[in-house]
């Protein structure tokens, strides 16, 4: 299958893409390609790296050309010496092969979950933004990464496991305090497309794994993600969202109350998705009151955290009947991608 972004380019762009790709694989010091406008060249290079996250050693480039020449000289910037690149390549190949081995015989959906869970269990979100955090060697080699490195690692693992997967990027939005572009994945499971944002789930799941961004539709993801910079396949199916698939997506308030009673009795943590209409303040207040009521029956107080855009509520109970008001924490999955307020 031709790489996703390559398919969307015109002939001149594809020729440049192919030339750059071959040159980067050979680690050439300079590569001659057809002359493109600066923005066009930037987009070709940027999208090539989305199609080929295995090329982790070239974060940038320079170029030069002669005024009357139809070509330009593309000069890659390499993160490492060439010998070191080969060492890293070998280590990454072995790492990916080892990681996918236990998942090869799983179903397509379980393979996707395996990749998601690997990221959530093993990768620490790196706010320091080291150069390798944007590449697969950060998450897969060092256990640290930002959204770009995480999305590239998800694609590498999905590709190795035979799951159709692309990397998508949205713009920043300074007015909302979103300082950086954000990167995640679209996967194709059971012939349908879904959004998978392992970074957002990773930043939420400090105590246990979260699946708030596992197989979302366009309608759901864009509640708290900016529009995509480059068009991607439409994700119109909302029926295979993780919590719905696991029967943890409720439409009736009595279901919430019943599960809250069970949770208070067992002393565990419970996470669910609300889809009984919009999660307005009024609806949220009713749900919190039901959770609190369930706790009072067991003489416990609830601790509640809320991912409001995705209508996901997580709670447990503590032995402390003295607290009247439930403790509610509003969670922000976009941690690290936003401007930090002083």
C-alpha atoms as a PDB file:
ATOM      1  CA  UNK A   1       0.000   0.000   0.000  1.00  0.00           C
ATOM      2  CA  UNK A   2       1.321   3.463  -0.883  1.00  0.00           C
ATOM      3  CA  UNK A   3       1.926   5.686   2.153  1.00  0.00           C
ATOM      4  CA  UNK A   4      -1.125   7.802   3.041  1.00  0.00           C
ATOM      5  CA  UNK A   5       0.271  11.327   2.637  1.00  0.00           C
ATOM      6  CA  UNK A   6       2.309  10.387  -0.457  1.00  0.00           C
ATOM      7  CA  UNK A   7      -0.948   9.437  -2.231  1.00  0.00           C
ATOM      8  CA  UNK A   8      -2.287  12.961  -1.709  1.00  0.00           C
ATOM      9  CA  UNK A   9       0.628  14.710  -3.457  1.00  0.00           C
ATOM     10  CA  UNK A  10       1.004  15.875  -7.050  1.00  0.00           C
ATOM     11  CA  UNK A  11       3.656  14.394  -9.358  1.00  0.00           C
ATOM     12  CA  UNK A  12       6.400  16.965  -8.602  1.00  0.00           C
ATOM     13  CA  UNK A  13       5.817  16.584  -4.848  1.00  0.00           C
ATOM     14  CA  UNK A  14       5.888  12.787  -5.138  1.00  0.00           C
ATOM     15  CA  UNK A  15       9.164  12.947  -7.084  1.00  0.00           C
ATOM     16  CA  UNK A  16      10.695  15.169  -4.379  1.00  0.00           C
ATOM     17  CA  UNK A  17       9.274  12.906  -1.627  1.00  0.00           C
ATOM     18  CA  UNK A  18      10.768   9.799  -3.263  1.00  0.00           C
ATOM     19  CA  UNK A  19      14.163  11.483  -3.758  1.00  0.00           C
ATOM     20  CA  UNK A  20      14.317  12.708  -0.162  1.00  0.00           C
ATOM     21  CA  UNK A  21      13.224   9.304   1.163  1.00  0.00           C
ATOM     22  CA  UNK A  22      15.933   7.421  -0.762  1.00  0.00           C
ATOM     23  CA  UNK A  23      18.551   9.998   0.266  1.00  0.00           C
ATOM     24  CA  UNK A  24      17.608   9.811   3.951  1.00  0.00           C
ATOM     25  CA  UNK A  25      17.703   6.002   3.919  1.00  0.00           C
ATOM     26  CA  UNK A  26      21.185   6.191   2.370  1.00  0.00           C
ATOM     27  CA  UNK A  27      22.091   9.016   4.817  1.00  0.00           C
ATOM     28  CA  UNK A  28      23.329  11.200   1.961  1.00  0.00           C
ATOM     29  CA  UNK A  29      24.801  14.589   2.828  1.00  0.00           C
ATOM     30  CA  UNK A  30      22.875  16.254  -0.004  1.00  0.00           C
ATOM     31  CA  UNK A  31      19.991  15.190  -2.240  1.00  0.00           C
ATOM     32  CA  UNK A  32      19.003  16.693  -5.593  1.00  0.00           C
ATOM     33  CA  UNK A  33      15.235  17.033  -6.035  1.00  0.00           C
ATOM     34  CA  UNK A  34      12.827  19.037  -8.238  1.00  0.00           C
ATOM     35  CA  UNK A  35      12.532  22.628  -7.104  1.00  0.00           C
ATOM     36  CA  UNK A  36       9.481  23.307  -4.944  1.00  0.00           C
ATOM     37  CA  UNK A  37       8.236  26.430  -3.220  1.00  0.00           C
ATOM     38  CA  UNK A  38       9.577  26.665   0.393  1.00  0.00           C
ATOM     39  CA  UNK A  39       6.181  25.911   1.981  1.00  0.00           C
ATOM     40  CA  UNK A  40       5.591  23.051  -0.432  1.00  0.00           C
ATOM     41  CA  UNK A  41       8.997  21.568   0.410  1.00  0.00           C
ATOM     42  CA  UNK A  42       8.301  21.894   4.135  1.00  0.00           C
ATOM     43  CA  UNK A  43       4.978  20.048   3.736  1.00  0.00           C
ATOM     44  CA  UNK A  44       6.546  17.253   1.668  1.00  0.00           C
ATOM     45  CA  UNK A  45       9.260  16.696   4.295  1.00  0.00           C
ATOM     46  CA  UNK A  46       6.797  16.972   7.213  1.00  0.00           C
ATOM     47  CA  UNK A  47       4.335  14.511   5.666  1.00  0.00           C
ATOM     48  CA  UNK A  48       7.092  12.116   4.595  1.00  0.00           C
ATOM     49  CA  UNK A  49       8.070  11.873   8.270  1.00  0.00           C
ATOM     50  CA  UNK A  50       4.444  11.135   9.224  1.00  0.00           C
ATOM     51  CA  UNK A  51       4.381   8.317   6.656  1.00  0.00           C
ATOM     52  CA  UNK A  52       7.805   7.022   7.750  1.00  0.00           C
ATOM     53  CA  UNK A  53       8.294   7.371  11.519  1.00  0.00           C
ATOM     54  CA  UNK A  54      11.070   4.757  11.257  1.00  0.00           C
ATOM     55  CA  UNK A  55      13.237   7.626   9.901  1.00  0.00           C
ATOM     56  CA  UNK A  56      14.052   9.089  13.314  1.00  0.00           C
ATOM     57  CA  UNK A  57      17.455  10.565  12.541  1.00  0.00           C
ATOM     58  CA  UNK A  58      16.467  13.619  10.451  1.00  0.00           C
ATOM     59  CA  UNK A  59      14.445  16.280  12.298  1.00  0.00           C
ATOM     60  CA  UNK A  60      15.178  19.121   9.867  1.00  0.00           C
ATOM     61  CA  UNK A  61      16.903  20.288   6.700  1.00  0.00           C
ATOM     62  CA  UNK A  62      18.401  23.209   4.780  1.00  0.00           C
ATOM     63  CA  UNK A  63      18.406  23.700   1.027  1.00  0.00           C
ATOM     64  CA  UNK A  64      20.088  25.712  -1.721  1.00  0.00           C
ATOM     65  CA  UNK A  65      19.488  26.273  -5.411  1.00  0.00           C
ATOM     66  CA  UNK A  66      20.787  28.205  -8.394  1.00  0.00           C
ATOM     67  CA  UNK A  67      18.369  30.799  -9.840  1.00  0.00           C
ATOM     68  CA  UNK A  68      18.129  29.210 -13.298  1.00  0.00           C
ATOM     69  CA  UNK A  69      18.086  25.558 -12.122  1.00  0.00           C
ATOM     70  CA  UNK A  70      14.875  23.456 -12.125  1.00  0.00           C
ATOM     71  CA  UNK A  71      16.270  21.524  -9.122  1.00  0.00           C
ATOM     72  CA  UNK A  72      17.355  22.271  -5.597  1.00  0.00           C
ATOM     73  CA  UNK A  73      19.877  20.683  -3.263  1.00  0.00           C
ATOM     74  CA  UNK A  74      18.228  19.293  -0.132  1.00  0.00           C
ATOM     75  CA  UNK A  75      20.646  19.117   2.827  1.00  0.00           C
ATOM     76  CA  UNK A  76      19.373  16.909   5.701  1.00  0.00           C
ATOM     77  CA  UNK A  77      20.226  17.667   9.325  1.00  0.00           C
ATOM     78  CA  UNK A  78      21.095  14.458  11.168  1.00  0.00           C
ATOM     79  CA  UNK A  79      20.520  13.892  14.888  1.00  0.00           C
ATOM     80  CA  UNK A  80      23.425  11.424  15.117  1.00  0.00           C
ATOM     81  CA  UNK A  81      26.616  10.404  13.357  1.00  0.00           C
ATOM     82  CA  UNK A  82      25.932   7.853  10.612  1.00  0.00           C
ATOM     83  CA  UNK A  83      27.473   4.961  12.562  1.00  0.00           C
ATOM     84  CA  UNK A  84      25.287   5.805  15.552  1.00  0.00           C
ATOM     85  CA  UNK A  85      22.181   5.901  13.327  1.00  0.00           C
ATOM     86  CA  UNK A  86      22.897   2.309  12.232  1.00  0.00           C
ATOM     87  CA  UNK A  87      23.262   1.252  15.883  1.00  0.00           C
ATOM     88  CA  UNK A  88      19.957   2.900  16.790  1.00  0.00           C
ATOM     89  CA  UNK A  89      18.239   1.383  13.722  1.00  0.00           C
ATOM     90  CA  UNK A  90      19.337  -2.097  14.733  1.00  0.00           C
ATOM     91  CA  UNK A  91      18.222  -1.543  18.341  1.00  0.00           C
ATOM     92  CA  UNK A  92      14.826  -0.148  17.249  1.00  0.00           C
ATOM     93  CA  UNK A  93      14.197  -3.046  14.845  1.00  0.00           C
ATOM     94  CA  UNK A  94      14.975  -5.587  17.581  1.00  0.00           C
ATOM     95  CA  UNK A  95      12.852  -3.635  20.101  1.00  0.00           C
ATOM     96  CA  UNK A  96       9.800  -3.511  17.822  1.00  0.00           C
ATOM     97  CA  UNK A  97      10.107  -7.212  16.954  1.00  0.00           C
ATOM     98  CA  UNK A  98      10.314  -8.126  20.640  1.00  0.00           C
ATOM     99  CA  UNK A  99       7.389  -5.879  21.584  1.00  0.00           C
ATOM    100  CA  UNK A 100       4.961  -7.195  18.973  1.00  0.00           C
ATOM    101  CA  UNK A 101       5.722 -10.888  19.541  1.00  0.00           C
ATOM    102  CA  UNK A 102       3.129 -11.439  22.320  1.00  0.00           C
ATOM    103  CA  UNK A 103       0.402  -9.659  20.304  1.00  0.00           C
ATOM    104  CA  UNK A 104       0.735 -11.329  16.899  1.00  0.00           C
ATOM    105  CA  UNK A 105      -1.995 -13.930  17.483  1.00  0.00           C
ATOM    106  CA  UNK A 106      -4.507 -11.497  19.033  1.00  0.00           C
ATOM    107  CA  UNK A 107      -7.584 -10.116  17.263  1.00  0.00           C
ATOM    108  CA  UNK A 108      -7.269  -6.790  15.458  1.00  0.00           C
ATOM    109  CA  UNK A 109      -9.015  -4.887  18.296  1.00  0.00           C
ATOM    110  CA  UNK A 110      -6.865  -6.614  20.934  1.00  0.00           C
ATOM    111  CA  UNK A 111      -3.701  -5.786  18.970  1.00  0.00           C
ATOM    112  CA  UNK A 112      -4.727  -2.117  18.953  1.00  0.00           C
ATOM    113  CA  UNK A 113      -5.395  -2.270  22.709  1.00  0.00           C
ATOM    114  CA  UNK A 114      -1.999  -3.925  23.238  1.00  0.00           C
ATOM    115  CA  UNK A 115      -0.244  -1.005  21.510  1.00  0.00           C
ATOM    116  CA  UNK A 116      -2.273   1.564  23.496  1.00  0.00           C
ATOM    117  CA  UNK A 117      -1.564  -0.227  26.778  1.00  0.00           C
ATOM    118  CA  UNK A 118       2.147  -0.482  26.032  1.00  0.00           C
ATOM    119  CA  UNK A 119       2.312   3.320  25.680  1.00  0.00           C
ATOM    120  CA  UNK A 120       0.283   3.918  28.853  1.00  0.00           C
ATOM    121  CA  UNK A 121       2.325   1.437  30.903  1.00  0.00           C
ATOM    122  CA  UNK A 122       5.811   2.265  29.660  1.00  0.00           C
ATOM    123  CA  UNK A 123       6.055   5.839  28.360  1.00  0.00           C
ATOM    124  CA  UNK A 124       6.408   8.886  30.564  1.00  0.00           C
ATOM    125  CA  UNK A 125       5.219  12.167  29.031  1.00  0.00           C
ATOM    126  CA  UNK A 126       8.341  14.290  28.620  1.00  0.00           C
ATOM    127  CA  UNK A 127       7.696  17.963  29.270  1.00  0.00           C
ATOM    128  CA  UNK A 128      11.402  18.746  28.857  1.00  0.00           C
ATOM    129  CA  UNK A 129      11.019  18.003  25.162  1.00  0.00           C
ATOM    130  CA  UNK A 130      14.405  16.428  24.508  1.00  0.00           C
ATOM    131  CA  UNK A 131      15.208  16.087  20.759  1.00  0.00           C
ATOM    132  CA  UNK A 132      14.524  12.332  20.782  1.00  0.00           C
ATOM    133  CA  UNK A 133      11.146  12.778  22.512  1.00  0.00           C
ATOM    134  CA  UNK A 134       9.700  13.674  19.098  1.00  0.00           C
ATOM    135  CA  UNK A 135      11.001  10.450  17.529  1.00  0.00           C
ATOM    136  CA  UNK A 136      10.351   6.745  18.101  1.00  0.00           C
ATOM    137  CA  UNK A 137      13.641   6.336  19.975  1.00  0.00           C
ATOM    138  CA  UNK A 138      12.181   8.437  22.828  1.00  0.00           C
ATOM    139  CA  UNK A 139       9.159   6.275  23.712  1.00  0.00           C
ATOM    140  CA  UNK A 140      10.511   2.936  22.443  1.00  0.00           C
ATOM    141  CA  UNK A 141      14.130   3.347  23.528  1.00  0.00           C
ATOM    142  CA  UNK A 142      14.097   5.725  26.499  1.00  0.00           C
ATOM    143  CA  UNK A 143      10.519   5.383  27.802  1.00  0.00           C
ATOM    144  CA  UNK A 144       9.857   9.121  27.363  1.00  0.00           C
ATOM    145  CA  UNK A 145       8.112  11.124  24.664  1.00  0.00           C
ATOM    146  CA  UNK A 146       5.838  13.966  23.656  1.00  0.00           C
ATOM    147  CA  UNK A 147       2.725  13.506  21.526  1.00  0.00           C
ATOM    148  CA  UNK A 148       4.661  13.396  18.237  1.00  0.00           C
ATOM    149  CA  UNK A 149       7.043  10.662  19.408  1.00  0.00           C
ATOM    150  CA  UNK A 150       4.145   8.732  20.961  1.00  0.00           C
ATOM    151  CA  UNK A 151       2.007   8.896  17.775  1.00  0.00           C
ATOM    152  CA  UNK A 152       5.007   7.790  15.691  1.00  0.00           C
ATOM    153  CA  UNK A 153       5.596   4.862  18.074  1.00  0.00           C
ATOM    154  CA  UNK A 154       1.920   3.854  17.869  1.00  0.00           C
ATOM    155  CA  UNK A 155       2.185   3.832  14.065  1.00  0.00           C
ATOM    156  CA  UNK A 156       5.425   1.801  14.053  1.00  0.00           C
ATOM    157  CA  UNK A 157       3.854  -0.844  16.331  1.00  0.00           C
ATOM    158  CA  UNK A 158       0.523  -0.881  14.460  1.00  0.00           C
ATOM    159  CA  UNK A 159       2.345  -1.211  11.121  1.00  0.00           C
ATOM    160  CA  UNK A 160       4.341  -4.144  12.516  1.00  0.00           C
ATOM    161  CA  UNK A 161       1.115  -5.769  13.744  1.00  0.00           C
ATOM    162  CA  UNK A 162      -0.714  -5.301  10.436  1.00  0.00           C
ATOM    163  CA  UNK A 163      -3.108  -2.587  11.663  1.00  0.00           C
ATOM    164  CA  UNK A 164      -3.813   0.259   9.215  1.00  0.00           C
ATOM    165  CA  UNK A 165      -2.664   3.407  11.005  1.00  0.00           C
ATOM    166  CA  UNK A 166      -1.758   6.992  10.140  1.00  0.00           C
ATOM    167  CA  UNK A 167      -0.466   9.940  12.149  1.00  0.00           C
ATOM    168  CA  UNK A 168      -2.624  13.080  12.196  1.00  0.00           C
ATOM    169  CA  UNK A 169      -1.753  16.588  13.367  1.00  0.00           C
ATOM    170  CA  UNK A 170      -3.906  19.502  14.475  1.00  0.00           C
ATOM    171  CA  UNK A 171      -2.894  23.134  14.781  1.00  0.00           C
ATOM    172  CA  UNK A 172      -2.308  25.159  17.912  1.00  0.00           C
ATOM    173  CA  UNK A 173      -4.823  27.672  19.276  1.00  0.00           C
ATOM    174  CA  UNK A 174      -3.227  30.429  21.396  1.00  0.00           C
ATOM    175  CA  UNK A 175      -6.659  31.908  22.199  1.00  0.00           C
ATOM    176  CA  UNK A 176      -7.539  28.686  24.026  1.00  0.00           C
ATOM    177  CA  UNK A 177      -4.072  28.498  25.584  1.00  0.00           C
ATOM    178  CA  UNK A 178      -3.022  25.649  23.269  1.00  0.00           C
ATOM    179  CA  UNK A 179       0.549  26.536  22.396  1.00  0.00           C
ATOM    180  CA  UNK A 180       1.645  23.518  20.381  1.00  0.00           C
ATOM    181  CA  UNK A 181       0.371  21.381  17.572  1.00  0.00           C
ATOM    182  CA  UNK A 182      -0.964  18.061  18.812  1.00  0.00           C
ATOM    183  CA  UNK A 183      -0.359  14.693  17.175  1.00  0.00           C
ATOM    184  CA  UNK A 184      -2.288  11.417  17.453  1.00  0.00           C
ATOM    185  CA  UNK A 185      -3.419   8.492  15.251  1.00  0.00           C
ATOM    186  CA  UNK A 186      -6.284   7.249  13.138  1.00  0.00           C
ATOM    187  CA  UNK A 187      -6.603   3.465  12.930  1.00  0.00           C
ATOM    188  CA  UNK A 188      -8.779   1.205  10.802  1.00  0.00           C
ATOM    189  CA  UNK A 189     -10.391  -1.573  12.848  1.00  0.00           C
ATOM    190  CA  UNK A 190     -12.994  -3.923  11.399  1.00  0.00           C
ATOM    191  CA  UNK A 191     -12.973  -1.866   8.200  1.00  0.00           C
ATOM    192  CA  UNK A 192     -13.900   1.402   9.982  1.00  0.00           C
ATOM    193  CA  UNK A 193     -11.783   4.416  10.945  1.00  0.00           C
ATOM    194  CA  UNK A 194     -11.320   5.635  14.532  1.00  0.00           C
ATOM    195  CA  UNK A 195      -9.273   8.224  16.392  1.00  0.00           C
ATOM    196  CA  UNK A 196      -6.770   6.849  18.911  1.00  0.00           C
ATOM    197  CA  UNK A 197      -4.972   9.365  21.134  1.00  0.00           C
ATOM    198  CA  UNK A 198      -2.587   7.404  23.346  1.00  0.00           C
ATOM    199  CA  UNK A 199      -0.959  10.632  24.624  1.00  0.00           C
ATOM    200  CA  UNK A 200      -4.197  11.967  26.108  1.00  0.00           C
ATOM    201  CA  UNK A 201      -4.978   8.611  27.743  1.00  0.00           C
ATOM    202  CA  UNK A 202      -1.407   8.456  29.028  1.00  0.00           C
ATOM    203  CA  UNK A 203      -1.618  11.875  30.698  1.00  0.00           C
ATOM    204  CA  UNK A 204      -4.926  10.919  32.356  1.00  0.00           C
ATOM    205  CA  UNK A 205      -3.987   7.444  33.526  1.00  0.00           C
ATOM    206  CA  UNK A 206      -1.704   8.167  36.443  1.00  0.00           C
ATOM    207  CA  UNK A 207      -3.282   5.573  38.732  1.00  0.00           C
ATOM    208  CA  UNK A 208      -4.817   3.171  36.237  1.00  0.00           C
ATOM    209  CA  UNK A 209      -5.036   2.900  32.455  1.00  0.00           C
ATOM    210  CA  UNK A 210      -7.596   5.117  30.764  1.00  0.00           C
ATOM    211  CA  UNK A 211      -9.411   4.646  27.466  1.00  0.00           C
ATOM    212  CA  UNK A 212     -11.164   8.007  27.106  1.00  0.00           C
ATOM    213  CA  UNK A 213      -9.579   8.461  23.658  1.00  0.00           C
ATOM    214  CA  UNK A 214      -9.706   4.880  22.362  1.00  0.00           C
ATOM    215  CA  UNK A 215     -11.640   4.585  19.084  1.00  0.00           C
ATOM    216  CA  UNK A 216     -13.437   7.916  19.041  1.00  0.00           C
ATOM    217  CA  UNK A 217     -15.529   9.317  16.199  1.00  0.00           C
ATOM    218  CA  UNK A 218     -14.858  12.734  14.659  1.00  0.00           C
ATOM    219  CA  UNK A 219     -17.781  14.128  16.635  1.00  0.00           C
ATOM    220  CA  UNK A 220     -16.211  13.050  19.946  1.00  0.00           C
ATOM    221  CA  UNK A 221     -12.531  13.777  19.310  1.00  0.00           C
ATOM    222  CA  UNK A 222     -13.072  17.341  18.130  1.00  0.00           C
ATOM    223  CA  UNK A 223     -14.751  18.263  21.410  1.00  0.00           C
ATOM    224  CA  UNK A 224     -11.253  18.842  22.768  1.00  0.00           C
ATOM    225  CA  UNK A 225      -8.949  18.610  19.730  1.00  0.00           C
ATOM    226  CA  UNK A 226      -8.373  21.341  17.151  1.00  0.00           C
ATOM    227  CA  UNK A 227      -9.146  20.730  13.430  1.00  0.00           C
ATOM    228  CA  UNK A 228      -6.630  18.647  11.448  1.00  0.00           C
ATOM    229  CA  UNK A 229      -3.960  20.410   9.392  1.00  0.00           C
ATOM    230  CA  UNK A 230      -4.247  17.814   6.593  1.00  0.00           C
ATOM    231  CA  UNK A 231      -7.478  16.017   5.765  1.00  0.00           C
ATOM    232  CA  UNK A 232      -7.841  12.409   6.931  1.00  0.00           C
ATOM    233  CA  UNK A 233     -10.459   9.671   6.491  1.00  0.00           C
ATOM    234  CA  UNK A 234     -13.772  10.457   8.187  1.00  0.00           C
ATOM    235  CA  UNK A 235     -14.300   8.610  11.484  1.00  0.00           C
ATOM    236  CA  UNK A 236     -18.076   8.381  11.565  1.00  0.00           C
ATOM    237  CA  UNK A 237     -18.621   5.275  13.718  1.00  0.00           C
ATOM    238  CA  UNK A 238     -19.203   5.924  17.422  1.00  0.00           C
ATOM    239  CA  UNK A 239     -20.253   2.387  18.325  1.00  0.00           C
ATOM    240  CA  UNK A 240     -16.822   0.949  19.071  1.00  0.00           C
ATOM    241  CA  UNK A 241     -15.616   3.551  21.552  1.00  0.00           C
ATOM    242  CA  UNK A 242     -13.820   1.620  24.307  1.00  0.00           C
ATOM    243  CA  UNK A 243     -16.321   2.220  27.130  1.00  0.00           C
ATOM    244  CA  UNK A 244     -19.251   1.412  24.884  1.00  0.00           C
ATOM    245  CA  UNK A 245     -17.529  -1.767  23.704  1.00  0.00           C
ATOM    246  CA  UNK A 246     -16.947  -2.740  27.349  1.00  0.00           C
ATOM    247  CA  UNK A 247     -20.528  -1.910  28.375  1.00  0.00           C
ATOM    248  CA  UNK A 248     -19.336   0.966  30.539  1.00  0.00           C
ATOM    249  CA  UNK A 249     -21.261   3.641  28.642  1.00  0.00           C
ATOM    250  CA  UNK A 250     -24.534   4.475  30.413  1.00  0.00           C
ATOM    251  CA  UNK A 251     -27.704   6.230  29.317  1.00  0.00           C
ATOM    252  CA  UNK A 252     -29.746   5.764  32.513  1.00  0.00           C
ATOM    253  CA  UNK A 253     -29.039   7.357  35.873  1.00  0.00           C
ATOM    254  CA  UNK A 254     -30.154   4.217  37.731  1.00  0.00           C
ATOM    255  CA  UNK A 255     -27.329   2.297  36.016  1.00  0.00           C
ATOM    256  CA  UNK A 256     -24.845   4.780  37.484  1.00  0.00           C
ATOM    257  CA  UNK A 257     -26.372   4.423  40.963  1.00  0.00           C
ATOM    258  CA  UNK A 258     -26.309   0.617  40.779  1.00  0.00           C
ATOM    259  CA  UNK A 259     -22.652   0.530  39.736  1.00  0.00           C
ATOM    260  CA  UNK A 260     -21.752   3.120  42.392  1.00  0.00           C
ATOM    261  CA  UNK A 261     -23.263   0.850  45.083  1.00  0.00           C
ATOM    262  CA  UNK A 262     -21.199  -2.100  43.803  1.00  0.00           C
ATOM    263  CA  UNK A 263     -18.053   0.068  43.718  1.00  0.00           C
ATOM    264  CA  UNK A 264     -18.585   1.328  47.291  1.00  0.00           C
ATOM    265  CA  UNK A 265     -19.089  -2.256  48.471  1.00  0.00           C
ATOM    266  CA  UNK A 266     -16.020  -3.662  46.683  1.00  0.00           C
ATOM    267  CA  UNK A 267     -13.719  -0.741  47.517  1.00  0.00           C
ATOM    268  CA  UNK A 268     -12.478  -0.425  43.932  1.00  0.00           C
ATOM    269  CA  UNK A 269     -12.258   2.374  41.351  1.00  0.00           C
ATOM    270  CA  UNK A 270     -14.883   2.671  38.622  1.00  0.00           C
ATOM    271  CA  UNK A 271     -14.721   4.554  35.322  1.00  0.00           C
ATOM    272  CA  UNK A 272     -17.714   5.066  33.034  1.00  0.00           C
ATOM    273  CA  UNK A 273     -18.894   7.126  30.081  1.00  0.00           C
ATOM    274  CA  UNK A 274     -22.177   9.068  30.128  1.00  0.00           C
ATOM    275  CA  UNK A 275     -24.155   9.145  26.886  1.00  0.00           C
ATOM    276  CA  UNK A 276     -27.639   9.836  28.157  1.00  0.00           C
ATOM    277  CA  UNK A 277     -27.664  13.229  26.442  1.00  0.00           C
ATOM    278  CA  UNK A 278     -25.257  16.127  26.977  1.00  0.00           C
ATOM    279  CA  UNK A 279     -23.326  16.142  30.236  1.00  0.00           C
ATOM    280  CA  UNK A 280     -24.649  19.513  31.392  1.00  0.00           C
ATOM    281  CA  UNK A 281     -23.972  20.911  34.864  1.00  0.00           C
ATOM    282  CA  UNK A 282     -27.465  19.833  35.888  1.00  0.00           C
ATOM    283  CA  UNK A 283     -26.981  16.248  34.686  1.00  0.00           C
ATOM    284  CA  UNK A 284     -23.532  16.108  36.255  1.00  0.00           C
ATOM    285  CA  UNK A 285     -24.929  17.337  39.593  1.00  0.00           C
ATOM    286  CA  UNK A 286     -27.563  14.569  39.521  1.00  0.00           C
ATOM    287  CA  UNK A 287     -24.955  11.902  38.748  1.00  0.00           C
ATOM    288  CA  UNK A 288     -22.652  13.153  41.520  1.00  0.00           C
ATOM    289  CA  UNK A 289     -25.549  13.117  43.986  1.00  0.00           C
ATOM    290  CA  UNK A 290     -26.329   9.491  43.064  1.00  0.00           C
ATOM    291  CA  UNK A 291     -22.669   8.491  43.521  1.00  0.00           C
ATOM    292  CA  UNK A 292     -22.615  10.301  46.870  1.00  0.00           C
ATOM    293  CA  UNK A 293     -25.861   8.626  47.946  1.00  0.00           C
ATOM    294  CA  UNK A 294     -24.408   5.193  47.098  1.00  0.00           C
ATOM    295  CA  UNK A 295     -21.370   6.014  49.222  1.00  0.00           C
ATOM    296  CA  UNK A 296     -23.461   7.178  52.186  1.00  0.00           C
ATOM    297  CA  UNK A 297     -25.216   3.797  52.246  1.00  0.00           C
ATOM    298  CA  UNK A 298     -21.799   2.222  52.859  1.00  0.00           C
ATOM    299  CA  UNK A 299     -20.666   5.147  55.082  1.00  0.00           C
ATOM    300  CA  UNK A 300     -18.070   6.259  52.590  1.00  0.00           C
ATOM    301  CA  UNK A 301     -17.304   9.480  50.720  1.00  0.00           C
ATOM    302  CA  UNK A 302     -16.653   9.569  46.967  1.00  0.00           C
ATOM    303  CA  UNK A 303     -13.577  10.964  45.249  1.00  0.00           C
ATOM    304  CA  UNK A 304     -14.526  11.845  41.701  1.00  0.00           C
ATOM    305  CA  UNK A 305     -12.526  12.900  38.661  1.00  0.00           C
ATOM    306  CA  UNK A 306     -14.144  14.136  35.486  1.00  0.00           C
ATOM    307  CA  UNK A 307     -13.044  14.361  31.850  1.00  0.00           C
ATOM    308  CA  UNK A 308     -15.790  16.782  30.890  1.00  0.00           C
ATOM    309  CA  UNK A 309     -15.349  17.025  27.082  1.00  0.00           C
ATOM    310  CA  UNK A 310     -15.541  13.230  26.737  1.00  0.00           C
ATOM    311  CA  UNK A 311     -18.154  12.767  29.503  1.00  0.00           C
ATOM    312  CA  UNK A 312     -16.011  10.207  31.340  1.00  0.00           C
ATOM    313  CA  UNK A 313     -16.345  10.007  35.121  1.00  0.00           C
ATOM    314  CA  UNK A 314     -14.041   8.048  37.404  1.00  0.00           C
ATOM    315  CA  UNK A 315     -14.638   7.548  41.112  1.00  0.00           C
ATOM    316  CA  UNK A 316     -13.753   5.573  44.201  1.00  0.00           C
ATOM    317  CA  UNK A 317     -14.787   5.811  47.860  1.00  0.00           C
ATOM    318  CA  UNK A 318     -12.924   6.504  51.083  1.00  0.00           C
ATOM    319  CA  UNK A 319     -13.910   5.660  54.648  1.00  0.00           C
ATOM    320  CA  UNK A 320     -14.787   9.126  55.853  1.00  0.00           C
ATOM    321  CA  UNK A 321     -18.484   9.787  56.438  1.00  0.00           C
ATOM    322  CA  UNK A 322     -17.700  13.257  57.831  1.00  0.00           C
ATOM    323  CA  UNK A 323     -17.213  14.835  54.374  1.00  0.00           C
ATOM    324  CA  UNK A 324     -20.531  16.064  53.041  1.00  0.00           C
ATOM    325  CA  UNK A 325     -19.538  17.330  49.602  1.00  0.00           C
ATOM    326  CA  UNK A 326     -17.888  14.902  47.167  1.00  0.00           C
ATOM    327  CA  UNK A 327     -14.356  15.810  46.138  1.00  0.00           C
ATOM    328  CA  UNK A 328     -14.415  16.478  42.354  1.00  0.00           C
ATOM    329  CA  UNK A 329     -11.298  16.947  40.234  1.00  0.00           C
ATOM    330  CA  UNK A 330     -11.671  18.247  36.675  1.00  0.00           C
ATOM    331  CA  UNK A 331      -9.084  16.419  34.579  1.00  0.00           C
ATOM    332  CA  UNK A 332      -7.205  17.960  31.680  1.00  0.00           C
ATOM    333  CA  UNK A 333      -5.992  15.362  29.209  1.00  0.00           C
ATOM    334  CA  UNK A 334      -4.107  17.956  27.184  1.00  0.00           C
ATOM    335  CA  UNK A 335      -1.417  18.217  29.839  1.00  0.00           C
ATOM    336  CA  UNK A 336       1.874  19.544  28.611  1.00  0.00           C
ATOM    337  CA  UNK A 337       0.444  20.647  25.265  1.00  0.00           C
ATOM    338  CA  UNK A 338      -0.984  23.865  26.669  1.00  0.00           C
ATOM    339  CA  UNK A 339       0.503  27.115  27.888  1.00  0.00           C
ATOM    340  CA  UNK A 340       1.088  26.757  31.595  1.00  0.00           C
ATOM    341  CA  UNK A 341      -0.680  29.518  33.493  1.00  0.00           C
ATOM    342  CA  UNK A 342       1.450  31.155  36.187  1.00  0.00           C
END
